């Protein structure tokens, strides 16, 4: 059984999509071992409670620095034999402690076609810039802001009259499927990295 941890700071719709995928067979022999949340009171915690997934909740202000709370998070993950960390709406840059403890084992979901519109409010950035196509990216995490090697991307057209809410709704629909697909590929060894280039291997027939 492969064990993953999901990090989230907000509503947690992608977290729930991942959990459901493990339960209906889209992610085979996989379980979500832990939710990590840096926002006490976030909606994702209601989802984890309803779904019966253990949560580690922390307030960064309770720790002297990032290294201190990341050491505790890393210990929580190692105790549960977590083999993949999935950032799904986690609004905090990872530091050297987590990056070292789980090198090459952390992926992030971002609502744009990176390298365009990194960081916060990627959907708003895309609308303000006036692009006709944006999308969703899943990438490996490095020390930069949404700069890690790209694993997979799906475009999402920007329609006339789109708002952040309408465009965001279509992006979320794409996110759920893409993230689950990439998790499956990574856990089954069908993702390899050569420099910055990610190769996606076909499933064995």
C-alpha atoms as a PDB file:
ATOM      1  CA  UNK A   1       0.000   0.000   0.000  1.00  0.00           C
ATOM      2  CA  UNK A   2       1.450   3.353  -1.076  1.00  0.00           C
ATOM      3  CA  UNK A   3       0.862   6.157   1.398  1.00  0.00           C
ATOM      4  CA  UNK A   4       0.589   9.825   0.439  1.00  0.00           C
ATOM      5  CA  UNK A   5       0.155  13.062   2.356  1.00  0.00           C
ATOM      6  CA  UNK A   6      -1.841  15.999   1.039  1.00  0.00           C
ATOM      7  CA  UNK A   7      -1.029  19.580   2.079  1.00  0.00           C
ATOM      8  CA  UNK A   8      -3.863  22.121   1.773  1.00  0.00           C
ATOM      9  CA  UNK A   9      -4.721  25.559   3.132  1.00  0.00           C
ATOM     10  CA  UNK A  10      -8.216  26.228   1.769  1.00  0.00           C
ATOM     11  CA  UNK A  11     -11.437  24.523   0.754  1.00  0.00           C
ATOM     12  CA  UNK A  12      -9.846  21.169  -0.047  1.00  0.00           C
ATOM     13  CA  UNK A  13     -11.795  20.111  -3.148  1.00  0.00           C
ATOM     14  CA  UNK A  14      -8.667  18.554  -4.644  1.00  0.00           C
ATOM     15  CA  UNK A  15      -7.937  16.805  -1.349  1.00  0.00           C
ATOM     16  CA  UNK A  16     -11.389  15.225  -1.463  1.00  0.00           C
ATOM     17  CA  UNK A  17     -10.940  14.240  -5.119  1.00  0.00           C
ATOM     18  CA  UNK A  18      -7.723  12.416  -4.225  1.00  0.00           C
ATOM     19  CA  UNK A  19      -9.330  10.591  -1.294  1.00  0.00           C
ATOM     20  CA  UNK A  20     -12.287   9.551  -3.437  1.00  0.00           C
ATOM     21  CA  UNK A  21      -9.932   8.300  -6.161  1.00  0.00           C
ATOM     22  CA  UNK A  22      -8.261   5.972  -3.653  1.00  0.00           C
ATOM     23  CA  UNK A  23     -11.666   4.598  -2.658  1.00  0.00           C
ATOM     24  CA  UNK A  24     -13.153   3.970  -6.095  1.00  0.00           C
ATOM     25  CA  UNK A  25     -10.049   2.352  -7.577  1.00  0.00           C
ATOM     26  CA  UNK A  26      -8.651   5.174  -9.703  1.00  0.00           C
ATOM     27  CA  UNK A  27      -5.595   5.144  -7.425  1.00  0.00           C
ATOM     28  CA  UNK A  28      -4.911   1.474  -6.778  1.00  0.00           C
ATOM     29  CA  UNK A  29      -3.203   0.289  -3.576  1.00  0.00           C
ATOM     30  CA  UNK A  30      -2.941   3.886  -2.402  1.00  0.00           C
ATOM     31  CA  UNK A  31      -4.190   5.654   0.694  1.00  0.00           C
ATOM     32  CA  UNK A  32      -4.108   9.219   1.970  1.00  0.00           C
ATOM     33  CA  UNK A  33      -2.277   8.773   5.263  1.00  0.00           C
ATOM     34  CA  UNK A  34      -2.421  12.395   6.425  1.00  0.00           C
ATOM     35  CA  UNK A  35      -3.742  15.847   5.647  1.00  0.00           C
ATOM     36  CA  UNK A  36      -1.375  18.672   6.601  1.00  0.00           C
ATOM     37  CA  UNK A  37      -3.010  22.079   7.044  1.00  0.00           C
ATOM     38  CA  UNK A  38      -1.445  25.379   8.114  1.00  0.00           C
ATOM     39  CA  UNK A  39      -4.787  27.144   8.601  1.00  0.00           C
ATOM     40  CA  UNK A  40      -6.746  26.107  11.708  1.00  0.00           C
ATOM     41  CA  UNK A  41     -10.416  26.464  10.772  1.00  0.00           C
ATOM     42  CA  UNK A  42      -9.898  25.896   7.022  1.00  0.00           C
ATOM     43  CA  UNK A  43     -12.739  24.179   5.186  1.00  0.00           C
ATOM     44  CA  UNK A  44     -10.469  21.301   4.185  1.00  0.00           C
ATOM     45  CA  UNK A  45     -10.500  20.191   7.834  1.00  0.00           C
ATOM     46  CA  UNK A  46     -14.262  19.682   7.650  1.00  0.00           C
ATOM     47  CA  UNK A  47     -13.695  17.469   4.626  1.00  0.00           C
ATOM     48  CA  UNK A  48     -10.976  15.435   6.345  1.00  0.00           C
ATOM     49  CA  UNK A  49     -13.222  14.883   9.347  1.00  0.00           C
ATOM     50  CA  UNK A  50     -16.119  13.771   7.146  1.00  0.00           C
ATOM     51  CA  UNK A  51     -13.880  11.476   5.108  1.00  0.00           C
ATOM     52  CA  UNK A  52     -12.159  10.006   8.157  1.00  0.00           C
ATOM     53  CA  UNK A  53      -8.662  11.166   7.204  1.00  0.00           C
ATOM     54  CA  UNK A  54      -6.286  12.092  10.005  1.00  0.00           C
ATOM     55  CA  UNK A  55      -5.144  15.720   9.961  1.00  0.00           C
ATOM     56  CA  UNK A  56      -2.071  17.453  11.308  1.00  0.00           C
ATOM     57  CA  UNK A  57      -3.022  21.101  11.839  1.00  0.00           C
ATOM     58  CA  UNK A  58      -0.533  23.746  12.847  1.00  0.00           C
ATOM     59  CA  UNK A  59      -0.242  27.508  13.137  1.00  0.00           C
ATOM     60  CA  UNK A  60       3.160  28.723  11.889  1.00  0.00           C
ATOM     61  CA  UNK A  61       3.047  31.526  14.453  1.00  0.00           C
ATOM     62  CA  UNK A  62       3.392  28.921  17.203  1.00  0.00           C
ATOM     63  CA  UNK A  63       6.910  28.033  16.015  1.00  0.00           C
ATOM     64  CA  UNK A  64      10.141  30.055  16.108  1.00  0.00           C
ATOM     65  CA  UNK A  65      10.791  29.565  12.386  1.00  0.00           C
ATOM     66  CA  UNK A  66       9.938  27.537   9.296  1.00  0.00           C
ATOM     67  CA  UNK A  67      12.585  24.924  10.025  1.00  0.00           C
ATOM     68  CA  UNK A  68      10.954  24.167  13.380  1.00  0.00           C
ATOM     69  CA  UNK A  69       7.491  23.406  12.039  1.00  0.00           C
ATOM     70  CA  UNK A  70       8.856  21.605   8.995  1.00  0.00           C
ATOM     71  CA  UNK A  71      10.854  19.270  11.265  1.00  0.00           C
ATOM     72  CA  UNK A  72       7.632  18.339  13.028  1.00  0.00           C
ATOM     73  CA  UNK A  73       5.791  17.848   9.726  1.00  0.00           C
ATOM     74  CA  UNK A  74       8.597  15.688   8.328  1.00  0.00           C
ATOM     75  CA  UNK A  75       8.536  13.534  11.469  1.00  0.00           C
ATOM     76  CA  UNK A  76       4.756  13.091  11.145  1.00  0.00           C
ATOM     77  CA  UNK A  77       5.143  11.959   7.528  1.00  0.00           C
ATOM     78  CA  UNK A  78       8.051   9.632   8.223  1.00  0.00           C
ATOM     79  CA  UNK A  79       6.138   7.971  11.065  1.00  0.00           C
ATOM     80  CA  UNK A  80       3.419   7.103   8.537  1.00  0.00           C
ATOM     81  CA  UNK A  81       5.806   5.891   5.806  1.00  0.00           C
ATOM     82  CA  UNK A  82       4.624   8.558   3.364  1.00  0.00           C
ATOM     83  CA  UNK A  83       6.216   8.108  -0.062  1.00  0.00           C
ATOM     84  CA  UNK A  84       4.687  11.095  -1.888  1.00  0.00           C
ATOM     85  CA  UNK A  85       3.741  14.604  -0.754  1.00  0.00           C
ATOM     86  CA  UNK A  86       1.038  16.379  -2.760  1.00  0.00           C
ATOM     87  CA  UNK A  87       0.591  20.141  -2.418  1.00  0.00           C
ATOM     88  CA  UNK A  88      -3.023  20.886  -3.369  1.00  0.00           C
ATOM     89  CA  UNK A  89      -3.791  24.499  -2.564  1.00  0.00           C
ATOM     90  CA  UNK A  90      -1.070  24.772   0.095  1.00  0.00           C
ATOM     91  CA  UNK A  91      -0.254  28.477   0.181  1.00  0.00           C
ATOM     92  CA  UNK A  92       3.195  28.281   1.704  1.00  0.00           C
ATOM     93  CA  UNK A  93       6.646  27.767   0.184  1.00  0.00           C
ATOM     94  CA  UNK A  94       8.439  24.678   1.419  1.00  0.00           C
ATOM     95  CA  UNK A  95      11.826  25.161   3.022  1.00  0.00           C
ATOM     96  CA  UNK A  96      15.057  23.190   3.056  1.00  0.00           C
ATOM     97  CA  UNK A  97      13.949  20.774   5.796  1.00  0.00           C
ATOM     98  CA  UNK A  98      11.013  19.363   3.812  1.00  0.00           C
ATOM     99  CA  UNK A  99      12.821  19.566   0.476  1.00  0.00           C
ATOM    100  CA  UNK A 100      15.740  17.560   1.862  1.00  0.00           C
ATOM    101  CA  UNK A 101      13.607  14.995   3.690  1.00  0.00           C
ATOM    102  CA  UNK A 102      11.435  14.292   0.631  1.00  0.00           C
ATOM    103  CA  UNK A 103      13.700  15.160  -2.287  1.00  0.00           C
ATOM    104  CA  UNK A 104      12.019  14.274  -5.575  1.00  0.00           C
ATOM    105  CA  UNK A 105       8.892  13.144  -3.715  1.00  0.00           C
ATOM    106  CA  UNK A 106       6.901  16.392  -3.631  1.00  0.00           C
ATOM    107  CA  UNK A 107       4.514  17.576  -6.358  1.00  0.00           C
ATOM    108  CA  UNK A 108       2.422  20.729  -6.579  1.00  0.00           C
ATOM    109  CA  UNK A 109      -0.768  21.678  -8.388  1.00  0.00           C
ATOM    110  CA  UNK A 110      -0.915  25.201  -9.864  1.00  0.00           C
ATOM    111  CA  UNK A 111      -3.842  26.888 -11.704  1.00  0.00           C
ATOM    112  CA  UNK A 112      -1.959  28.259 -14.707  1.00  0.00           C
ATOM    113  CA  UNK A 113       0.253  27.087 -17.534  1.00  0.00           C
ATOM    114  CA  UNK A 114       3.601  27.641 -15.853  1.00  0.00           C
ATOM    115  CA  UNK A 115       5.925  29.423 -16.166  1.00  0.00           C
ATOM    116  CA  UNK A 116       3.132  31.960 -16.751  1.00  0.00           C
ATOM    117  CA  UNK A 117       1.456  33.430 -13.654  1.00  0.00           C
ATOM    118  CA  UNK A 118       3.287  31.802 -10.735  1.00  0.00           C
ATOM    119  CA  UNK A 119       2.416  32.525  -7.126  1.00  0.00           C
ATOM    120  CA  UNK A 120      -0.864  33.687  -5.660  1.00  0.00           C
ATOM    121  CA  UNK A 121      -4.043  34.485  -7.607  1.00  0.00           C
ATOM    122  CA  UNK A 122      -2.894  32.883 -10.847  1.00  0.00           C
ATOM    123  CA  UNK A 123      -6.458  32.984 -12.193  1.00  0.00           C
ATOM    124  CA  UNK A 124      -6.757  36.700 -11.487  1.00  0.00           C
ATOM    125  CA  UNK A 125      -3.344  37.303 -13.043  1.00  0.00           C
ATOM    126  CA  UNK A 126      -4.440  35.512 -16.226  1.00  0.00           C
ATOM    127  CA  UNK A 127      -7.649  37.554 -16.488  1.00  0.00           C
ATOM    128  CA  UNK A 128      -5.840  40.829 -15.865  1.00  0.00           C
ATOM    129  CA  UNK A 129      -3.216  40.021 -18.488  1.00  0.00           C
ATOM    130  CA  UNK A 130      -5.888  39.150 -21.028  1.00  0.00           C
ATOM    131  CA  UNK A 131      -4.653  35.731 -22.128  1.00  0.00           C
ATOM    132  CA  UNK A 132      -6.985  33.623 -24.237  1.00  0.00           C
ATOM    133  CA  UNK A 133      -5.759  30.312 -22.805  1.00  0.00           C
ATOM    134  CA  UNK A 134      -4.642  29.454 -19.292  1.00  0.00           C
ATOM    135  CA  UNK A 135      -4.701  26.054 -17.627  1.00  0.00           C
ATOM    136  CA  UNK A 136      -3.388  23.725 -14.966  1.00  0.00           C
ATOM    137  CA  UNK A 137       0.129  22.507 -14.197  1.00  0.00           C
ATOM    138  CA  UNK A 138       1.431  19.740 -11.959  1.00  0.00           C
ATOM    139  CA  UNK A 139       5.148  20.005 -11.244  1.00  0.00           C
ATOM    140  CA  UNK A 140       7.868  18.755  -8.951  1.00  0.00           C
ATOM    141  CA  UNK A 141       8.668  21.146  -6.120  1.00  0.00           C
ATOM    142  CA  UNK A 142      12.021  22.846  -5.741  1.00  0.00           C
ATOM    143  CA  UNK A 143      13.158  25.830  -3.672  1.00  0.00           C
ATOM    144  CA  UNK A 144      11.640  28.414  -6.030  1.00  0.00           C
ATOM    145  CA  UNK A 145       8.127  29.777  -6.416  1.00  0.00           C
ATOM    146  CA  UNK A 146       6.404  27.353  -8.833  1.00  0.00           C
ATOM    147  CA  UNK A 147       9.699  26.791 -10.660  1.00  0.00           C
ATOM    148  CA  UNK A 148      10.117  23.002 -10.417  1.00  0.00           C
ATOM    149  CA  UNK A 149      10.196  20.629 -13.415  1.00  0.00           C
ATOM    150  CA  UNK A 150       6.807  20.355 -15.109  1.00  0.00           C
ATOM    151  CA  UNK A 151       5.177  16.919 -15.113  1.00  0.00           C
ATOM    152  CA  UNK A 152       1.899  17.609 -16.919  1.00  0.00           C
ATOM    153  CA  UNK A 153      -0.242  20.493 -18.175  1.00  0.00           C
ATOM    154  CA  UNK A 154      -3.777  20.890 -19.489  1.00  0.00           C
ATOM    155  CA  UNK A 155      -4.965  24.097 -21.227  1.00  0.00           C
ATOM    156  CA  UNK A 156      -8.221  25.803 -20.279  1.00  0.00           C
ATOM    157  CA  UNK A 157      -9.659  28.434 -22.675  1.00  0.00           C
ATOM    158  CA  UNK A 158     -10.579  31.838 -21.282  1.00  0.00           C
ATOM    159  CA  UNK A 159     -14.067  32.689 -22.497  1.00  0.00           C
ATOM    160  CA  UNK A 160     -15.509  36.121 -23.248  1.00  0.00           C
ATOM    161  CA  UNK A 161     -16.921  37.611 -20.058  1.00  0.00           C
ATOM    162  CA  UNK A 162     -15.178  35.158 -17.753  1.00  0.00           C
ATOM    163  CA  UNK A 163     -14.862  36.125 -14.101  1.00  0.00           C
ATOM    164  CA  UNK A 164     -12.439  34.673 -11.572  1.00  0.00           C
ATOM    165  CA  UNK A 165     -15.305  32.506 -10.328  1.00  0.00           C
ATOM    166  CA  UNK A 166     -16.409  31.149 -13.719  1.00  0.00           C
ATOM    167  CA  UNK A 167     -12.883  30.519 -14.966  1.00  0.00           C
ATOM    168  CA  UNK A 168     -11.909  29.077 -11.596  1.00  0.00           C
ATOM    169  CA  UNK A 169     -14.790  26.598 -11.719  1.00  0.00           C
ATOM    170  CA  UNK A 170     -13.621  25.218 -15.089  1.00  0.00           C
ATOM    171  CA  UNK A 171     -10.023  25.091 -13.905  1.00  0.00           C
ATOM    172  CA  UNK A 172     -11.032  23.145 -10.777  1.00  0.00           C
ATOM    173  CA  UNK A 173     -12.796  20.550 -12.921  1.00  0.00           C
ATOM    174  CA  UNK A 174      -9.557  19.979 -14.835  1.00  0.00           C
ATOM    175  CA  UNK A 175      -7.427  20.003 -11.690  1.00  0.00           C
ATOM    176  CA  UNK A 176      -9.194  17.068 -10.072  1.00  0.00           C
ATOM    177  CA  UNK A 177      -8.607  14.693 -12.973  1.00  0.00           C
ATOM    178  CA  UNK A 178      -5.073  15.823 -13.818  1.00  0.00           C
ATOM    179  CA  UNK A 179      -3.774  15.647 -10.260  1.00  0.00           C
ATOM    180  CA  UNK A 180      -5.130  12.144  -9.687  1.00  0.00           C
ATOM    181  CA  UNK A 181      -3.641  11.001 -13.012  1.00  0.00           C
ATOM    182  CA  UNK A 182      -0.197  12.391 -12.147  1.00  0.00           C
ATOM    183  CA  UNK A 183      -0.252  10.867  -8.663  1.00  0.00           C
ATOM    184  CA  UNK A 184      -0.959   7.477 -10.222  1.00  0.00           C
ATOM    185  CA  UNK A 185       1.863   7.885 -12.715  1.00  0.00           C
ATOM    186  CA  UNK A 186       4.396   8.951 -10.068  1.00  0.00           C
ATOM    187  CA  UNK A 187       3.491   6.159  -7.643  1.00  0.00           C
ATOM    188  CA  UNK A 188       3.677   3.523 -10.382  1.00  0.00           C
ATOM    189  CA  UNK A 189       7.146   4.657 -11.478  1.00  0.00           C
ATOM    190  CA  UNK A 190       5.960   6.043 -14.812  1.00  0.00           C
ATOM    191  CA  UNK A 191       7.556   9.461 -14.279  1.00  0.00           C
ATOM    192  CA  UNK A 192      11.297   9.978 -14.748  1.00  0.00           C
ATOM    193  CA  UNK A 193      13.364  13.142 -14.510  1.00  0.00           C
ATOM    194  CA  UNK A 194      16.313  14.074 -16.715  1.00  0.00           C
ATOM    195  CA  UNK A 195      17.617  17.504 -15.748  1.00  0.00           C
ATOM    196  CA  UNK A 196      14.511  19.705 -15.995  1.00  0.00           C
ATOM    197  CA  UNK A 197      12.808  17.398 -18.468  1.00  0.00           C
ATOM    198  CA  UNK A 198      10.139  15.052 -17.144  1.00  0.00           C
ATOM    199  CA  UNK A 199       9.412  11.901 -19.142  1.00  0.00           C
ATOM    200  CA  UNK A 200       5.995  10.226 -18.836  1.00  0.00           C
ATOM    201  CA  UNK A 201       6.158   6.509 -19.492  1.00  0.00           C
ATOM    202  CA  UNK A 202       3.274   4.424 -20.785  1.00  0.00           C
ATOM    203  CA  UNK A 203       1.636   1.889 -18.521  1.00  0.00           C
ATOM    204  CA  UNK A 204       2.681  -1.712 -19.138  1.00  0.00           C
ATOM    205  CA  UNK A 205       0.000  -3.672 -20.965  1.00  0.00           C
END
